[in-house]
Amino acid sequence: MRINDQEQFNKENVFGLGSANTVYAQYFIGNSYLNPLTEAGKCPVFLANVTFEPG
């Protein structure tokens, strides 16, 4: 999904923005945000939503 309008993004993003993705920032150009969907250690699979700023 590609949305450049912040208001529209907030309406359509069911996962939430999450925290600044500083741990993996070296792998991305621009800012990204990581929102874990499962809790590490409590689920056999770690799932997360990654959101990228436009541009």
PDB file of N, CA and C in Angstrom:
ATOM      1  N   MET A   1       0.855  -1.153   0.000  1.00  0.00           N
ATOM      2  CA  MET A   1       0.000   0.000   0.000  1.00  0.00           C
ATOM      3  C   MET A   1       0.912   1.229   0.000  1.00  0.00           C
ATOM      4  N   ARG A   2       0.664   2.151  -0.878  1.00  0.00           N
ATOM      5  CA  ARG A   2       1.451   3.379  -0.944  1.00  0.00           C
ATOM      6  C   ARG A   2       0.525   4.570  -0.762  1.00  0.00           C
ATOM      7  N   ILE A   3       0.723   5.273   0.351  1.00  0.00           N
ATOM      8  CA  ILE A   3      -0.102   6.432   0.675  1.00  0.00           C
ATOM      9  C   ILE A   3       0.828   7.572   1.060  1.00  0.00           C
ATOM     10  N   ASN A   4       0.683   8.713   0.413  1.00  0.00           N
ATOM     11  CA  ASN A   4       1.524   9.862   0.718  1.00  0.00           C
ATOM     12  C   ASN A   4       0.854  10.876   1.645  1.00  0.00           C
ATOM     13  N   ASP A   5      -0.436  10.750   1.860  1.00  0.00           N
ATOM     14  CA  ASP A   5      -1.178  11.673   2.706  1.00  0.00           C
ATOM     15  C   ASP A   5      -1.281  11.114   4.120  1.00  0.00           C
ATOM     16  N   GLN A   6      -0.774  11.849   5.129  1.00  0.00           N
ATOM     17  CA  GLN A   6      -0.734  11.370   6.513  1.00  0.00           C
ATOM     18  C   GLN A   6      -2.122  11.064   7.055  1.00  0.00           C
ATOM     19  N   GLU A   7      -3.106  11.892   6.769  1.00  0.00           N
ATOM     20  CA  GLU A   7      -4.460  11.666   7.273  1.00  0.00           C
ATOM     21  C   GLU A   7      -5.056  10.377   6.701  1.00  0.00           C
ATOM     22  N   GLN A   8      -4.878  10.165   5.411  1.00  0.00           N
ATOM     23  CA  GLN A   8      -5.379   8.944   4.773  1.00  0.00           C
ATOM     24  C   GLN A   8      -4.647   7.724   5.324  1.00  0.00           C
ATOM     25  N   PHE A   9      -3.339   7.848   5.527  1.00  0.00           N
ATOM     26  CA  PHE A   9      -2.555   6.750   6.084  1.00  0.00           C
ATOM     27  C   PHE A   9      -3.083   6.350   7.464  1.00  0.00           C
ATOM     28  N   ASN A  10      -3.328   7.334   8.320  1.00  0.00           N
ATOM     29  CA  ASN A  10      -3.816   7.054   9.667  1.00  0.00           C
ATOM     30  C   ASN A  10      -5.165   6.347   9.652  1.00  0.00           C
ATOM     31  N   LYS A  11      -6.007   6.628   8.665  1.00  0.00           N
ATOM     32  CA  LYS A  11      -7.313   5.983   8.551  1.00  0.00           C
ATOM     33  C   LYS A  11      -7.191   4.529   8.100  1.00  0.00           C
ATOM     34  N   GLU A  12      -6.226   4.251   7.212  1.00  0.00           N
ATOM     35  CA  GLU A  12      -6.129   2.932   6.595  1.00  0.00           C
ATOM     36  C   GLU A  12      -5.142   1.983   7.261  1.00  0.00           C
ATOM     37  N   ASN A  13      -4.237   2.492   8.061  1.00  0.00           N
ATOM     38  CA  ASN A  13      -3.212   1.658   8.680  1.00  0.00           C
ATOM     39  C   ASN A  13      -3.775   0.955   9.908  1.00  0.00           C
ATOM     40  N   VAL A  14      -4.106  -0.317   9.776  1.00  0.00           N
ATOM     41  CA  VAL A  14      -4.710  -1.076  10.870  1.00  0.00           C
ATOM     42  C   VAL A  14      -3.677  -1.543  11.893  1.00  0.00           C
ATOM     43  N   PHE A  15      -2.389  -1.522  11.548  1.00  0.00           N
ATOM     44  CA  PHE A  15      -1.347  -2.032  12.435  1.00  0.00           C
ATOM     45  C   PHE A  15      -0.726  -0.973  13.330  1.00  0.00           C
ATOM     46  N   GLY A  16      -0.889   0.287  13.013  1.00  0.00           N
ATOM     47  CA  GLY A  16      -0.238   1.350  13.769  1.00  0.00           C
ATOM     48  C   GLY A  16       1.143   1.645  13.204  1.00  0.00           C
ATOM     49  N   LEU A  17       1.677   2.782  13.562  1.00  0.00           N
ATOM     50  CA  LEU A  17       2.961   3.214  13.011  1.00  0.00           C
ATOM     51  C   LEU A  17       4.132   2.498  13.658  1.00  0.00           C
ATOM     52  N   GLY A  18       4.132   2.343  14.952  1.00  0.00           N
ATOM     53  CA  GLY A  18       5.249   1.717  15.645  1.00  0.00           C
ATOM     54  C   GLY A  18       6.320   2.722  16.015  1.00  0.00           C
ATOM     55  N   SER A  19       7.447   2.205  16.454  1.00  0.00           N
ATOM     56  CA  SER A  19       8.569   3.038  16.890  1.00  0.00           C
ATOM     57  C   SER A  19       9.572   3.212  15.767  1.00  0.00           C
ATOM     58  N   ALA A  20      10.379   4.258  15.877  1.00  0.00           N
ATOM     59  CA  ALA A  20      11.433   4.479  14.883  1.00  0.00           C
ATOM     60  C   ALA A  20      12.302   3.228  14.791  1.00  0.00           C
ATOM     61  N   ASN A  21      12.567   2.794  13.585  1.00  0.00           N
ATOM     62  CA  ASN A  21      13.310   1.562  13.322  1.00  0.00           C
ATOM     63  C   ASN A  21      14.811   1.856  13.292  1.00  0.00           C
ATOM     64  N   THR A  22      15.383   2.157  14.447  1.00  0.00           N
ATOM     65  CA  THR A  22      16.800   2.539  14.499  1.00  0.00           C
ATOM     66  C   THR A  22      17.729   1.338  14.400  1.00  0.00           C
ATOM     67  N   VAL A  23      17.291   0.173  14.841  1.00  0.00           N
ATOM     68  CA  VAL A  23      18.142  -1.015  14.828  1.00  0.00           C
ATOM     69  C   VAL A  23      18.493  -1.420  13.396  1.00  0.00           C
ATOM     70  N   TYR A  24      17.531  -1.346  12.488  1.00  0.00           N
ATOM     71  CA  TYR A  24      17.752  -1.763  11.106  1.00  0.00           C
ATOM     72  C   TYR A  24      17.872  -0.585  10.145  1.00  0.00           C
ATOM     73  N   ALA A  25      18.066   0.613  10.674  1.00  0.00           N
ATOM     74  CA  ALA A  25      18.125   1.819   9.843  1.00  0.00           C
ATOM     75  C   ALA A  25      19.230   1.746   8.794  1.00  0.00           C
ATOM     76  N   GLN A  26      20.295   1.035   9.099  1.00  0.00           N
ATOM     77  CA  GLN A  26      21.410   0.941   8.147  1.00  0.00           C
ATOM     78  C   GLN A  26      21.017   0.238   6.845  1.00  0.00           C
ATOM     79  N   TYR A  27      19.931  -0.507   6.857  1.00  0.00           N
ATOM     80  CA  TYR A  27      19.495  -1.243   5.678  1.00  0.00           C
ATOM     81  C   TYR A  27      18.484  -0.489   4.821  1.00  0.00           C
ATOM     82  N   PHE A  28      18.035   0.692   5.281  1.00  0.00           N
ATOM     83  CA  PHE A  28      17.018   1.444   4.569  1.00  0.00           C
ATOM     84  C   PHE A  28      17.479   2.868   4.289  1.00  0.00           C
ATOM     85  N   ILE A  29      16.970   3.429   3.217  1.00  0.00           N
ATOM     86  CA  ILE A  29      17.180   4.838   2.913  1.00  0.00           C
ATOM     87  C   ILE A  29      15.946   5.568   3.436  1.00  0.00           C
ATOM     88  N   GLY A  30      16.135   6.599   4.217  1.00  0.00           N
ATOM     89  CA  GLY A  30      15.015   7.326   4.799  1.00  0.00           C
ATOM     90  C   GLY A  30      14.587   6.704   6.116  1.00  0.00           C
ATOM     91  N   ASN A  31      13.517   7.209   6.673  1.00  0.00           N
ATOM     92  CA  ASN A  31      13.027   6.741   7.972  1.00  0.00           C
ATOM     93  C   ASN A  31      12.048   5.590   7.803  1.00  0.00           C
ATOM     94  N   SER A  32      12.129   4.653   8.734  1.00  0.00           N
ATOM     95  CA  SER A  32      11.174   3.550   8.771  1.00  0.00           C
ATOM     96  C   SER A  32      10.764   3.329  10.217  1.00  0.00           C
ATOM     97  N   TYR A  33       9.631   2.649  10.385  1.00  0.00           N
ATOM     98  CA  TYR A  33       9.060   2.414  11.707  1.00  0.00           C
ATOM     99  C   TYR A  33       8.700   0.945  11.832  1.00  0.00           C
ATOM    100  N   LEU A  34       8.965   0.366  12.993  1.00  0.00           N
ATOM    101  CA  LEU A  34       8.734  -1.056  13.234  1.00  0.00           C
ATOM    102  C   LEU A  34       7.691  -1.233  14.326  1.00  0.00           C
ATOM    103  N   ASN A  35       6.644  -1.982  14.020  1.00  0.00           N
ATOM    104  CA  ASN A  35       5.581  -2.257  14.969  1.00  0.00           C
ATOM    105  C   ASN A  35       5.427  -3.774  15.108  1.00  0.00           C
ATOM    106  N   PRO A  36       5.986  -4.363  16.178  1.00  0.00           N
ATOM    107  CA  PRO A  36       5.846  -5.815  16.372  1.00  0.00           C
ATOM    108  C   PRO A  36       4.376  -6.215  16.522  1.00  0.00           C
ATOM    109  N   LEU A  37       4.003  -7.302  15.854  1.00  0.00           N
ATOM    110  CA  LEU A  37       2.636  -7.801  15.923  1.00  0.00           C
ATOM    111  C   LEU A  37       2.536  -9.019  16.838  1.00  0.00           C
ATOM    112  N   THR A  38       3.678  -9.654  17.118  1.00  0.00           N
ATOM    113  CA  THR A  38       3.739 -10.757  18.067  1.00  0.00           C
ATOM    114  C   THR A  38       4.830 -10.439  19.087  1.00  0.00           C
ATOM    115  N   GLU A  39       4.759 -11.091  20.219  1.00  0.00           N
ATOM    116  CA  GLU A  39       5.740 -10.851  21.276  1.00  0.00           C
ATOM    117  C   GLU A  39       6.867 -11.882  21.165  1.00  0.00           C
ATOM    118  N   ALA A  40       8.097 -11.403  21.063  1.00  0.00           N
ATOM    119  CA  ALA A  40       9.253 -12.298  20.941  1.00  0.00           C
ATOM    120  C   ALA A  40       9.313 -13.239  22.139  1.00  0.00           C
ATOM    121  N   GLY A  41       9.525 -14.516  21.858  1.00  0.00           N
ATOM    122  CA  GLY A  41       9.613 -15.510  22.910  1.00  0.00           C
ATOM    123  C   GLY A  41       8.286 -16.147  23.288  1.00  0.00           C
ATOM    124  N   LYS A  42       7.176 -15.501  22.958  1.00  0.00           N
ATOM    125  CA  LYS A  42       5.856 -16.052  23.289  1.00  0.00           C
ATOM    126  C   LYS A  42       5.180 -16.680  22.075  1.00  0.00           C
ATOM    127  N   CYS A  43       5.744 -16.444  20.916  1.00  0.00           N
ATOM    128  CA  CYS A  43       5.191 -16.971  19.673  1.00  0.00           C
ATOM    129  C   CYS A  43       6.349 -17.577  18.877  1.00  0.00           C
ATOM    130  N   PRO A  44       6.151 -18.721  18.232  1.00  0.00           N
ATOM    131  CA  PRO A  44       7.254 -19.332  17.486  1.00  0.00           C
ATOM    132  C   PRO A  44       7.686 -18.517  16.261  1.00  0.00           C
ATOM    133  N   VAL A  45       6.851 -17.593  15.828  1.00  0.00           N
ATOM    134  CA  VAL A  45       7.177 -16.764  14.671  1.00  0.00           C
ATOM    135  C   VAL A  45       7.062 -15.301  15.073  1.00  0.00           C
ATOM    136  N   PHE A  46       8.102 -14.516  14.757  1.00  0.00           N
ATOM    137  CA  PHE A  46       8.044 -13.087  15.034  1.00  0.00           C
ATOM    138  C   PHE A  46       7.473 -12.374  13.821  1.00  0.00           C
ATOM    139  N   LEU A  47       6.408 -11.610  14.024  1.00  0.00           N
ATOM    140  CA  LEU A  47       5.771 -10.854  12.948  1.00  0.00           C
ATOM    141  C   LEU A  47       5.814  -9.374  13.308  1.00  0.00           C
ATOM    142  N   ALA A  48       6.086  -8.550  12.315  1.00  0.00           N
ATOM    143  CA  ALA A  48       6.118  -7.103  12.540  1.00  0.00           C
ATOM    144  C   ALA A  48       5.665  -6.384  11.290  1.00  0.00           C
ATOM    145  N   ASN A  49       5.134  -5.198  11.473  1.00  0.00           N
ATOM    146  CA  ASN A  49       4.758  -4.321  10.365  1.00  0.00           C
ATOM    147  C   ASN A  49       5.824  -3.249  10.247  1.00  0.00           C
ATOM    148  N   VAL A  50       6.361  -3.081   9.055  1.00  0.00           N
ATOM    149  CA  VAL A  50       7.357  -2.041   8.800  1.00  0.00           C
ATOM    150  C   VAL A  50       6.708  -0.980   7.936  1.00  0.00           C
ATOM    151  N   THR A  51       6.816   0.272   8.352  1.00  0.00           N
ATOM    152  CA  THR A  51       6.248   1.401   7.618  1.00  0.00           C
ATOM    153  C   THR A  51       7.397   2.313   7.178  1.00  0.00           C
ATOM    154  N   PHE A  52       7.363   2.722   5.923  1.00  0.00           N
ATOM    155  CA  PHE A  52       8.387   3.598   5.370  1.00  0.00           C
ATOM    156  C   PHE A  52       7.794   4.969   5.091  1.00  0.00           C
ATOM    157  N   GLU A  53       8.549   6.020   5.368  1.00  0.00           N
ATOM    158  CA  GLU A  53       8.107   7.348   5.011  1.00  0.00           C
ATOM    159  C   GLU A  53       8.164   7.512   3.503  1.00  0.00           C
ATOM    160  N   PRO A  54       7.268   8.310   2.925  1.00  0.00           N
ATOM    161  CA  PRO A  54       7.280   8.512   1.479  1.00  0.00           C
ATOM    162  C   PRO A  54       8.618   9.101   1.008  1.00  0.00           C
ATOM    163  N   GLY A  55       8.998   8.688  -0.178  1.00  0.00           N
ATOM    164  CA  GLY A  55      10.197   9.236  -0.804  1.00  0.00           C
ATOM    165  C   GLY A  55      11.400   8.442  -0.513  1.00  0.00           C
TER     166      GLY A  55
END
